[in-house]
């Protein structure tokens, strides 16, 4: 039993070394990539998410709008209906699973920091929380992050907070 435990511990340590090496490579790439650095200025988007977005979305003009990017990632409701009535269901989960997961993680961070705060962005999140469950709010924030990322990719400057949020 001890021999198996030592073997598992050695494998875990080796995996930790590999993860650290991969993180260093991502960080080095991020430091040399101007687009990734601009994406990192978005609240809720860190180095790994910014690098993944920059590496995956080479040309933002392939999307007509931020909504199309969010749909491509799978952060929009699935639509169904009959008789002219449209029903919105769960998110479509089509597209890049890794990007969707990273954006939802960033949204979770924003959600945790917004609870009980009084800023404009936190006010929007708290107003959503009053009407919808936390899981739905996370996906709504992730959708907004994707739209903001598209806007940052389109322009040649980093994220600028809305004027109401800055005041």
N, C-alpha and C. Protein backbone atom coordinates (compact mmCIF):
# COMPACT_ATOMS: atom_id res chain seq x y z
N UNK A 1 0.83 -1.19 0.00
CA UNK A 1 0.00 0.00 0.00
C UNK A 1 0.87 1.25 0.00
N UNK A 2 1.96 1.22 0.79
CA UNK A 2 2.86 2.39 0.85
C UNK A 2 3.54 2.61 -0.50
N UNK A 3 3.86 1.52 -1.14
CA UNK A 3 4.52 1.63 -2.44
C UNK A 3 3.59 2.30 -3.46
N UNK A 4 2.33 1.93 -3.45
CA UNK A 4 1.34 2.55 -4.34
C UNK A 4 1.15 4.02 -4.00
N UNK A 5 1.10 4.32 -2.71
CA UNK A 5 0.93 5.71 -2.28
C UNK A 5 2.11 6.56 -2.74
N UNK A 6 3.33 6.04 -2.59
CA UNK A 6 4.52 6.79 -3.03
C UNK A 6 4.51 6.99 -4.54
N UNK A 7 4.06 5.98 -5.28
CA UNK A 7 3.97 6.10 -6.73
C UNK A 7 2.97 7.18 -7.13
N UNK A 8 1.83 7.21 -6.47
CA UNK A 8 0.81 8.23 -6.75
C UNK A 8 1.33 9.62 -6.41
N UNK A 9 2.02 9.75 -5.28
CA UNK A 9 2.59 11.04 -4.88
C UNK A 9 3.62 11.50 -5.91
N UNK A 10 4.45 10.60 -6.39
CA UNK A 10 5.45 10.96 -7.41
C UNK A 10 4.77 11.42 -8.70
N UNK A 11 3.69 10.75 -9.07
CA UNK A 11 2.96 11.15 -10.28
C UNK A 11 2.31 12.52 -10.10
N UNK A 12 1.78 12.77 -8.91
CA UNK A 12 1.18 14.09 -8.64
C UNK A 12 2.23 15.19 -8.71
N UNK A 13 3.40 14.93 -8.14
CA UNK A 13 4.46 15.94 -8.17
C UNK A 13 4.91 16.20 -9.60
N UNK A 14 5.00 15.15 -10.41
CA UNK A 14 5.38 15.31 -11.81
C UNK A 14 4.32 16.12 -12.56
N UNK A 15 3.06 15.85 -12.27
CA UNK A 15 1.97 16.60 -12.92
C UNK A 15 2.02 18.07 -12.51
N UNK A 16 2.33 18.35 -11.25
CA UNK A 16 2.44 19.74 -10.79
C UNK A 16 3.57 20.46 -11.52
N UNK A 17 4.67 19.78 -11.76
CA UNK A 17 5.79 20.38 -12.49
C UNK A 17 5.36 20.70 -13.92
N UNK A 18 4.64 19.78 -14.55
CA UNK A 18 4.18 20.00 -15.93
C UNK A 18 3.21 21.18 -16.00
N UNK A 19 2.31 21.26 -15.03
CA UNK A 19 1.35 22.38 -15.00
C UNK A 19 2.09 23.70 -14.83
N UNK A 20 3.07 23.73 -13.94
CA UNK A 20 3.85 24.96 -13.73
C UNK A 20 4.58 25.36 -15.01
N UNK A 21 5.14 24.39 -15.73
CA UNK A 21 5.83 24.69 -16.99
C UNK A 21 4.85 25.23 -18.03
N UNK A 22 3.67 24.64 -18.11
CA UNK A 22 2.66 25.11 -19.06
C UNK A 22 2.21 26.53 -18.72
N UNK A 23 2.03 26.81 -17.43
CA UNK A 23 1.65 28.16 -17.01
C UNK A 23 2.72 29.17 -17.37
N UNK A 24 3.98 28.80 -17.23
CA UNK A 24 5.08 29.70 -17.59
C UNK A 24 5.08 29.97 -19.10
N UNK A 25 4.81 28.95 -19.91
CA UNK A 25 4.74 29.15 -21.36
C UNK A 25 3.59 30.07 -21.74
N UNK A 26 2.43 29.88 -21.10
CA UNK A 26 1.28 30.74 -21.36
C UNK A 26 1.60 32.17 -20.97
N UNK A 27 2.21 32.35 -19.81
CA UNK A 27 2.57 33.69 -19.34
C UNK A 27 3.56 34.36 -20.28
N UNK A 28 4.54 33.62 -20.76
CA UNK A 28 5.53 34.18 -21.70
C UNK A 28 4.85 34.59 -23.00
N UNK A 29 3.94 33.76 -23.51
CA UNK A 29 3.22 34.10 -24.73
C UNK A 29 2.35 35.34 -24.51
N UNK A 30 1.69 35.39 -23.36
CA UNK A 30 0.82 36.53 -23.03
C UNK A 30 1.60 37.83 -23.00
N UNK A 31 2.80 37.80 -22.46
CA UNK A 31 3.62 39.01 -22.36
C UNK A 31 4.03 39.54 -23.72
N UNK A 32 4.11 38.68 -24.72
CA UNK A 32 4.53 39.11 -26.05
C UNK A 32 3.35 39.40 -26.97
N UNK A 33 2.13 39.10 -26.54
CA UNK A 33 0.96 39.26 -27.40
C UNK A 33 0.15 40.47 -26.94
N UNK A 34 0.10 41.49 -27.78
CA UNK A 34 -0.58 42.74 -27.44
C UNK A 34 -2.10 42.54 -27.31
N UNK A 35 -2.68 41.70 -28.15
CA UNK A 35 -4.12 41.45 -28.10
C UNK A 35 -4.50 40.78 -26.78
N UNK A 36 -3.72 39.82 -26.36
CA UNK A 36 -3.96 39.13 -25.10
C UNK A 36 -3.86 40.10 -23.92
N UNK A 37 -2.92 41.02 -23.98
CA UNK A 37 -2.77 42.00 -22.91
C UNK A 37 -3.97 42.95 -22.86
N UNK A 38 -4.51 43.32 -24.03
CA UNK A 38 -5.70 44.17 -24.05
C UNK A 38 -6.90 43.43 -23.47
N UNK A 39 -7.03 42.16 -23.79
CA UNK A 39 -8.16 41.38 -23.27
C UNK A 39 -8.08 41.23 -21.76
N UNK A 40 -6.88 41.20 -21.23
CA UNK A 40 -6.72 41.04 -19.78
C UNK A 40 -7.24 42.25 -19.01
N UNK A 41 -7.40 43.40 -19.68
CA UNK A 41 -7.90 44.59 -18.99
C UNK A 41 -9.39 44.48 -18.65
N UNK A 42 -10.08 43.51 -19.22
CA UNK A 42 -11.51 43.31 -18.94
C UNK A 42 -11.65 42.70 -17.55
N UNK A 43 -12.50 43.26 -16.69
CA UNK A 43 -12.73 42.65 -15.37
C UNK A 43 -13.28 41.23 -15.53
N UNK A 44 -12.72 40.29 -14.80
CA UNK A 44 -13.16 38.90 -14.88
C UNK A 44 -12.38 38.08 -15.88
N UNK A 45 -11.48 38.72 -16.63
CA UNK A 45 -10.67 38.01 -17.62
C UNK A 45 -9.22 38.06 -17.15
N UNK A 46 -8.66 36.91 -16.87
CA UNK A 46 -7.27 36.83 -16.42
C UNK A 46 -6.35 36.46 -17.56
N UNK A 47 -5.12 36.14 -17.21
CA UNK A 47 -4.10 35.84 -18.22
C UNK A 47 -4.48 34.61 -19.04
N UNK A 48 -4.93 33.56 -18.39
CA UNK A 48 -5.24 32.33 -19.11
C UNK A 48 -6.45 32.53 -20.04
N UNK A 49 -7.49 33.19 -19.55
CA UNK A 49 -8.66 33.45 -20.39
C UNK A 49 -8.31 34.37 -21.55
N UNK A 50 -7.54 35.42 -21.26
CA UNK A 50 -7.14 36.36 -22.32
C UNK A 50 -6.31 35.65 -23.38
N UNK A 51 -5.38 34.82 -22.95
CA UNK A 51 -4.55 34.08 -23.90
C UNK A 51 -5.38 33.12 -24.73
N UNK A 52 -6.33 32.44 -24.10
CA UNK A 52 -7.18 31.50 -24.83
C UNK A 52 -8.05 32.23 -25.85
N UNK A 53 -8.62 33.38 -25.46
CA UNK A 53 -9.43 34.15 -26.39
C UNK A 53 -8.60 34.65 -27.57
N UNK A 54 -7.41 35.19 -27.26
CA UNK A 54 -6.55 35.73 -28.32
C UNK A 54 -6.09 34.63 -29.27
N UNK A 55 -5.80 33.45 -28.73
CA UNK A 55 -5.32 32.35 -29.56
C UNK A 55 -6.45 31.74 -30.40
N UNK A 56 -7.66 31.72 -29.86
CA UNK A 56 -8.78 31.08 -30.55
C UNK A 56 -9.42 31.99 -31.58
N UNK A 57 -9.56 33.26 -31.24
CA UNK A 57 -10.25 34.20 -32.13
C UNK A 57 -9.19 35.04 -32.85
N UNK A 58 -8.72 34.54 -33.97
CA UNK A 58 -7.66 35.25 -34.69
C UNK A 58 -8.20 36.48 -35.42
N UNK A 59 -9.42 36.41 -35.93
CA UNK A 59 -9.99 37.54 -36.66
C UNK A 59 -11.39 37.83 -36.12
N UNK A 60 -11.55 38.89 -35.31
CA UNK A 60 -12.87 39.19 -34.75
C UNK A 60 -13.88 39.63 -35.81
N UNK A 61 -13.41 40.02 -37.00
CA UNK A 61 -14.33 40.44 -38.06
C UNK A 61 -15.12 39.27 -38.63
N UNK A 62 -14.75 38.04 -38.26
CA UNK A 62 -15.53 36.89 -38.71
C UNK A 62 -16.86 36.79 -37.95
N UNK A 63 -17.03 37.63 -36.93
CA UNK A 63 -18.29 37.70 -36.18
C UNK A 63 -18.88 39.08 -36.42
N UNK A 64 -20.16 39.14 -36.78
CA UNK A 64 -20.79 40.43 -37.06
C UNK A 64 -20.95 41.27 -35.81
N UNK A 65 -21.12 40.63 -34.67
CA UNK A 65 -21.33 41.37 -33.42
C UNK A 65 -20.86 40.51 -32.26
N UNK A 66 -20.87 41.12 -31.09
CA UNK A 66 -20.51 40.39 -29.88
C UNK A 66 -21.50 39.27 -29.59
N UNK A 67 -22.75 39.47 -29.99
CA UNK A 67 -23.74 38.42 -29.78
C UNK A 67 -23.41 37.18 -30.60
N UNK A 68 -22.90 37.39 -31.81
CA UNK A 68 -22.51 36.25 -32.64
C UNK A 68 -21.33 35.51 -32.03
N UNK A 69 -20.41 36.25 -31.42
CA UNK A 69 -19.29 35.59 -30.73
C UNK A 69 -19.81 34.79 -29.55
N UNK A 70 -20.71 35.39 -28.75
CA UNK A 70 -21.28 34.68 -27.60
C UNK A 70 -22.03 33.43 -28.05
N UNK A 71 -22.73 33.52 -29.18
CA UNK A 71 -23.44 32.34 -29.70
C UNK A 71 -22.46 31.29 -30.17
N UNK A 72 -21.37 31.71 -30.78
CA UNK A 72 -20.34 30.78 -31.26
C UNK A 72 -19.71 30.02 -30.10
N UNK A 73 -19.56 30.70 -28.97
CA UNK A 73 -18.99 30.06 -27.77
C UNK A 73 -20.03 29.18 -27.09
N UNK A 74 -21.32 29.45 -27.32
CA UNK A 74 -22.38 28.64 -26.73
C UNK A 74 -22.97 29.25 -25.48
N UNK A 75 -22.96 30.58 -25.39
CA UNK A 75 -23.46 31.27 -24.20
C UNK A 75 -24.80 31.96 -24.43
N UNK A 76 -25.59 31.44 -25.35
CA UNK A 76 -26.92 32.01 -25.61
C UNK A 76 -27.96 30.92 -25.41
N UNK A 77 -29.22 31.30 -25.12
CA UNK A 77 -30.25 30.29 -24.91
C UNK A 77 -30.61 29.56 -26.19
N UNK A 78 -30.92 28.29 -26.04
CA UNK A 78 -31.41 27.50 -27.17
C UNK A 78 -32.86 27.92 -27.42
N UNK A 79 -33.22 28.11 -28.68
CA UNK A 79 -34.57 28.55 -29.02
C UNK A 79 -35.36 27.39 -29.59
N UNK A 80 -36.58 27.28 -29.13
CA UNK A 80 -37.51 26.31 -29.71
C UNK A 80 -38.90 26.91 -29.60
N UNK A 81 -39.82 26.35 -30.28
CA UNK A 81 -41.18 26.87 -30.20
C UNK A 81 -42.05 26.31 -31.29
N UNK A 82 -43.31 26.63 -31.19
CA UNK A 82 -44.27 26.19 -32.18
C UNK A 82 -45.40 27.21 -32.23
N UNK A 83 -46.04 27.30 -33.36
CA UNK A 83 -47.16 28.21 -33.51
C UNK A 83 -46.77 29.67 -33.38
N UNK A 84 -45.56 30.00 -33.76
CA UNK A 84 -45.12 31.39 -33.70
C UNK A 84 -44.61 31.83 -32.34
N UNK A 85 -44.73 30.97 -31.34
CA UNK A 85 -44.25 31.33 -30.00
C UNK A 85 -42.84 30.77 -29.82
N UNK A 86 -41.92 31.65 -29.48
CA UNK A 86 -40.53 31.25 -29.29
C UNK A 86 -40.29 31.01 -27.81
N UNK A 87 -39.68 29.89 -27.50
CA UNK A 87 -39.34 29.57 -26.12
C UNK A 87 -37.83 29.48 -25.99
N UNK A 88 -37.31 30.13 -24.97
CA UNK A 88 -35.88 30.10 -24.72
C UNK A 88 -35.59 29.06 -23.66
N UNK A 89 -34.63 28.21 -23.93
CA UNK A 89 -34.28 27.14 -23.01
C UNK A 89 -32.92 27.34 -22.38
N UNK A 90 -32.27 26.25 -22.08
CA UNK A 90 -30.92 26.28 -21.51
C UNK A 90 -29.93 26.77 -22.56
N UNK A 91 -28.71 27.10 -22.14
CA UNK A 91 -27.72 27.56 -23.11
C UNK A 91 -27.44 26.44 -24.11
N UNK A 92 -27.04 26.86 -25.30
CA UNK A 92 -26.87 25.89 -26.38
C UNK A 92 -25.68 24.96 -26.16
N UNK A 93 -24.64 25.42 -25.48
CA UNK A 93 -23.42 24.65 -25.21
C UNK A 93 -22.76 24.19 -26.50
N UNK A 94 -23.01 24.89 -27.58
CA UNK A 94 -22.31 24.61 -28.82
C UNK A 94 -21.06 25.47 -28.85
N UNK A 95 -20.09 25.08 -29.60
CA UNK A 95 -18.89 25.90 -29.71
C UNK A 95 -17.79 25.43 -28.79
N UNK A 96 -16.90 26.35 -28.47
CA UNK A 96 -15.68 26.04 -27.73
C UNK A 96 -15.98 25.85 -26.24
N UNK A 97 -15.92 24.62 -25.78
CA UNK A 97 -16.22 24.29 -24.39
C UNK A 97 -15.22 24.94 -23.44
N UNK A 98 -13.94 24.96 -23.83
CA UNK A 98 -12.89 25.52 -22.97
C UNK A 98 -13.10 27.02 -22.77
N UNK A 99 -13.36 27.77 -23.84
CA UNK A 99 -13.61 29.21 -23.71
C UNK A 99 -14.84 29.46 -22.86
N UNK A 100 -15.90 28.69 -23.09
CA UNK A 100 -17.12 28.86 -22.31
C UNK A 100 -16.85 28.64 -20.83
N UNK A 101 -16.09 27.60 -20.52
CA UNK A 101 -15.76 27.30 -19.13
C UNK A 101 -14.95 28.44 -18.50
N UNK A 102 -13.96 28.96 -19.24
CA UNK A 102 -13.14 30.05 -18.71
C UNK A 102 -13.97 31.31 -18.47
N UNK A 103 -14.87 31.63 -19.40
CA UNK A 103 -15.69 32.82 -19.24
C UNK A 103 -16.67 32.67 -18.08
N UNK A 104 -17.21 31.49 -17.88
CA UNK A 104 -18.12 31.26 -16.74
C UNK A 104 -17.34 31.35 -15.43
N UNK A 105 -16.09 30.87 -15.41
CA UNK A 105 -15.27 31.02 -14.20
C UNK A 105 -15.01 32.49 -13.89
N UNK A 106 -14.70 33.27 -14.93
CA UNK A 106 -14.52 34.71 -14.73
C UNK A 106 -15.79 35.37 -14.25
N UNK A 107 -16.92 34.95 -14.79
CA UNK A 107 -18.21 35.48 -14.37
C UNK A 107 -18.50 35.13 -12.92
N UNK A 108 -18.11 33.93 -12.50
CA UNK A 108 -18.30 33.53 -11.11
C UNK A 108 -17.52 34.44 -10.18
N UNK A 109 -16.31 34.80 -10.57
CA UNK A 109 -15.50 35.71 -9.78
C UNK A 109 -16.17 37.07 -9.67
N UNK A 110 -16.65 37.59 -10.79
CA UNK A 110 -17.34 38.89 -10.77
C UNK A 110 -18.58 38.83 -9.90
N UNK A 111 -19.31 37.73 -9.97
CA UNK A 111 -20.52 37.56 -9.18
C UNK A 111 -20.20 37.57 -7.69
N UNK A 112 -19.16 36.87 -7.30
CA UNK A 112 -18.78 36.82 -5.88
C UNK A 112 -18.37 38.19 -5.36
N UNK A 113 -17.65 38.96 -6.20
CA UNK A 113 -17.19 40.28 -5.77
C UNK A 113 -18.31 41.31 -5.79
N UNK A 114 -19.35 41.09 -6.58
CA UNK A 114 -20.42 42.08 -6.72
C UNK A 114 -21.44 42.01 -5.60
N UNK A 115 -21.58 40.87 -4.96
CA UNK A 115 -22.61 40.73 -3.93
C UNK A 115 -22.40 41.75 -2.82
N UNK A 116 -23.42 42.57 -2.61
CA UNK A 116 -23.38 43.55 -1.53
C UNK A 116 -22.61 44.82 -1.85
N UNK A 117 -22.08 44.96 -3.08
CA UNK A 117 -21.35 46.17 -3.46
C UNK A 117 -22.32 47.17 -4.09
N UNK A 118 -21.87 48.43 -4.22
CA UNK A 118 -22.76 49.48 -4.71
C UNK A 118 -22.32 50.09 -6.04
N UNK A 119 -21.31 49.56 -6.71
CA UNK A 119 -20.89 50.14 -7.99
C UNK A 119 -21.94 49.86 -9.06
N UNK A 120 -21.80 50.53 -10.21
CA UNK A 120 -22.79 50.37 -11.28
C UNK A 120 -22.80 48.94 -11.81
N UNK A 121 -21.61 48.36 -12.04
CA UNK A 121 -21.55 46.99 -12.54
C UNK A 121 -22.12 46.02 -11.50
N UNK A 122 -21.78 46.24 -10.24
CA UNK A 122 -22.31 45.38 -9.18
C UNK A 122 -23.82 45.57 -9.06
N UNK A 123 -24.30 46.78 -9.30
CA UNK A 123 -25.74 47.04 -9.26
C UNK A 123 -26.48 46.23 -10.31
N UNK A 124 -25.90 46.16 -11.52
CA UNK A 124 -26.52 45.38 -12.59
C UNK A 124 -26.56 43.90 -12.20
N UNK A 125 -25.46 43.41 -11.65
CA UNK A 125 -25.39 42.00 -11.25
C UNK A 125 -26.36 41.72 -10.11
N UNK A 126 -26.40 42.60 -9.11
CA UNK A 126 -27.30 42.39 -7.98
C UNK A 126 -28.77 42.49 -8.39
N UNK A 127 -29.08 43.36 -9.36
CA UNK A 127 -30.45 43.44 -9.87
C UNK A 127 -30.83 42.14 -10.57
N UNK A 128 -29.89 41.56 -11.32
CA UNK A 128 -30.16 40.27 -11.95
C UNK A 128 -30.36 39.18 -10.90
N UNK A 129 -29.52 39.22 -9.85
CA UNK A 129 -29.63 38.21 -8.79
C UNK A 129 -30.98 38.28 -8.08
N UNK A 130 -31.57 39.47 -8.02
CA UNK A 130 -32.87 39.60 -7.37
C UNK A 130 -33.96 38.92 -8.18
N UNK A 131 -33.75 38.79 -9.49
CA UNK A 131 -34.78 38.22 -10.36
C UNK A 131 -34.50 36.79 -10.80
N UNK A 132 -33.24 36.40 -10.86
CA UNK A 132 -32.86 35.11 -11.43
C UNK A 132 -31.94 34.34 -10.50
N UNK A 133 -31.87 33.02 -10.67
CA UNK A 133 -30.94 32.21 -9.87
C UNK A 133 -29.48 32.53 -10.22
N UNK A 134 -28.58 32.23 -9.30
CA UNK A 134 -27.17 32.57 -9.47
C UNK A 134 -26.56 31.91 -10.71
N UNK A 135 -26.95 30.69 -11.03
CA UNK A 135 -26.41 30.01 -12.21
C UNK A 135 -26.78 30.73 -13.50
N UNK A 136 -27.99 31.22 -13.59
CA UNK A 136 -28.43 31.96 -14.77
C UNK A 136 -27.67 33.28 -14.86
N UNK A 137 -27.46 33.92 -13.72
CA UNK A 137 -26.73 35.20 -13.69
C UNK A 137 -25.28 34.98 -14.13
N UNK A 138 -24.67 33.88 -13.71
CA UNK A 138 -23.29 33.58 -14.14
C UNK A 138 -23.19 33.50 -15.65
N UNK A 139 -24.14 32.82 -16.27
CA UNK A 139 -24.11 32.68 -17.72
C UNK A 139 -24.37 34.03 -18.39
N UNK A 140 -25.25 34.85 -17.81
CA UNK A 140 -25.50 36.18 -18.37
C UNK A 140 -24.24 37.04 -18.30
N UNK A 141 -23.51 36.95 -17.20
CA UNK A 141 -22.26 37.71 -17.07
C UNK A 141 -21.23 37.17 -18.06
N UNK A 142 -21.14 35.85 -18.21
CA UNK A 142 -20.20 35.26 -19.17
C UNK A 142 -20.54 35.71 -20.59
N UNK A 143 -21.83 35.79 -20.91
CA UNK A 143 -22.26 36.28 -22.21
C UNK A 143 -21.80 37.72 -22.40
N UNK A 144 -21.96 38.53 -21.37
CA UNK A 144 -21.52 39.93 -21.44
C UNK A 144 -20.00 40.01 -21.60
N UNK A 145 -19.27 39.15 -20.90
CA UNK A 145 -17.81 39.13 -21.04
C UNK A 145 -17.41 38.81 -22.48
N UNK A 146 -18.10 37.87 -23.11
CA UNK A 146 -17.80 37.53 -24.50
C UNK A 146 -18.07 38.71 -25.42
N UNK A 147 -19.16 39.43 -25.17
CA UNK A 147 -19.48 40.60 -26.00
C UNK A 147 -18.44 41.71 -25.81
N UNK A 148 -18.03 41.93 -24.57
CA UNK A 148 -17.00 42.95 -24.29
C UNK A 148 -15.68 42.53 -24.93
N UNK A 149 -15.35 41.25 -24.85
CA UNK A 149 -14.11 40.76 -25.47
C UNK A 149 -14.14 41.01 -26.97
N UNK A 150 -15.28 40.80 -27.61
CA UNK A 150 -15.39 41.08 -29.04
C UNK A 150 -15.14 42.55 -29.32
N UNK A 151 -15.71 43.44 -28.48
CA UNK A 151 -15.51 44.88 -28.67
C UNK A 151 -14.04 45.26 -28.50
N UNK A 152 -13.37 44.66 -27.52
CA UNK A 152 -11.95 44.94 -27.31
C UNK A 152 -11.13 44.42 -28.48
N UNK A 153 -11.49 43.25 -28.99
CA UNK A 153 -10.78 42.70 -30.15
C UNK A 153 -10.98 43.56 -31.40
N UNK A 154 -12.17 44.14 -31.55
CA UNK A 154 -12.46 44.99 -32.70
C UNK A 154 -11.65 46.28 -32.67
N UNK A 155 -11.57 46.91 -31.50
CA UNK A 155 -10.85 48.18 -31.38
C UNK A 155 -9.37 47.95 -31.13
N UNK A 156 -8.65 49.02 -31.06
CA UNK A 156 -7.21 48.91 -30.80
C UNK A 156 -6.86 49.45 -29.43
N UNK A 157 -7.77 49.31 -28.49
CA UNK A 157 -7.50 49.75 -27.13
C UNK A 157 -8.09 48.76 -26.15
N UNK A 158 -7.67 48.89 -24.90
CA UNK A 158 -8.14 47.98 -23.87
C UNK A 158 -9.54 48.32 -23.41
N UNK A 159 -9.99 47.63 -22.40
CA UNK A 159 -11.32 47.82 -21.84
C UNK A 159 -11.42 49.18 -21.17
N UNK A 160 -12.51 49.87 -21.44
CA UNK A 160 -12.81 51.12 -20.74
C UNK A 160 -14.13 50.92 -20.03
N UNK A 161 -14.15 51.20 -18.73
CA UNK A 161 -15.39 51.06 -17.97
C UNK A 161 -16.41 52.05 -18.50
N UNK A 162 -17.69 51.68 -18.51
CA UNK A 162 -18.72 52.63 -18.95
C UNK A 162 -18.68 53.89 -18.08
N UNK A 163 -19.11 55.01 -18.65
CA UNK A 163 -19.03 56.29 -17.95
C UNK A 163 -19.82 56.26 -16.64
N UNK A 164 -20.97 55.58 -16.62
CA UNK A 164 -21.77 55.52 -15.40
C UNK A 164 -21.04 54.74 -14.32
N UNK A 165 -20.29 53.73 -14.70
CA UNK A 165 -19.57 52.92 -13.72
C UNK A 165 -18.35 53.66 -13.20
N UNK A 166 -17.77 54.53 -14.02
CA UNK A 166 -16.57 55.26 -13.60
C UNK A 166 -16.92 56.39 -12.65
N UNK A 167 -18.13 56.92 -12.73
CA UNK A 167 -18.51 58.07 -11.90
C UNK A 167 -18.81 57.68 -10.48
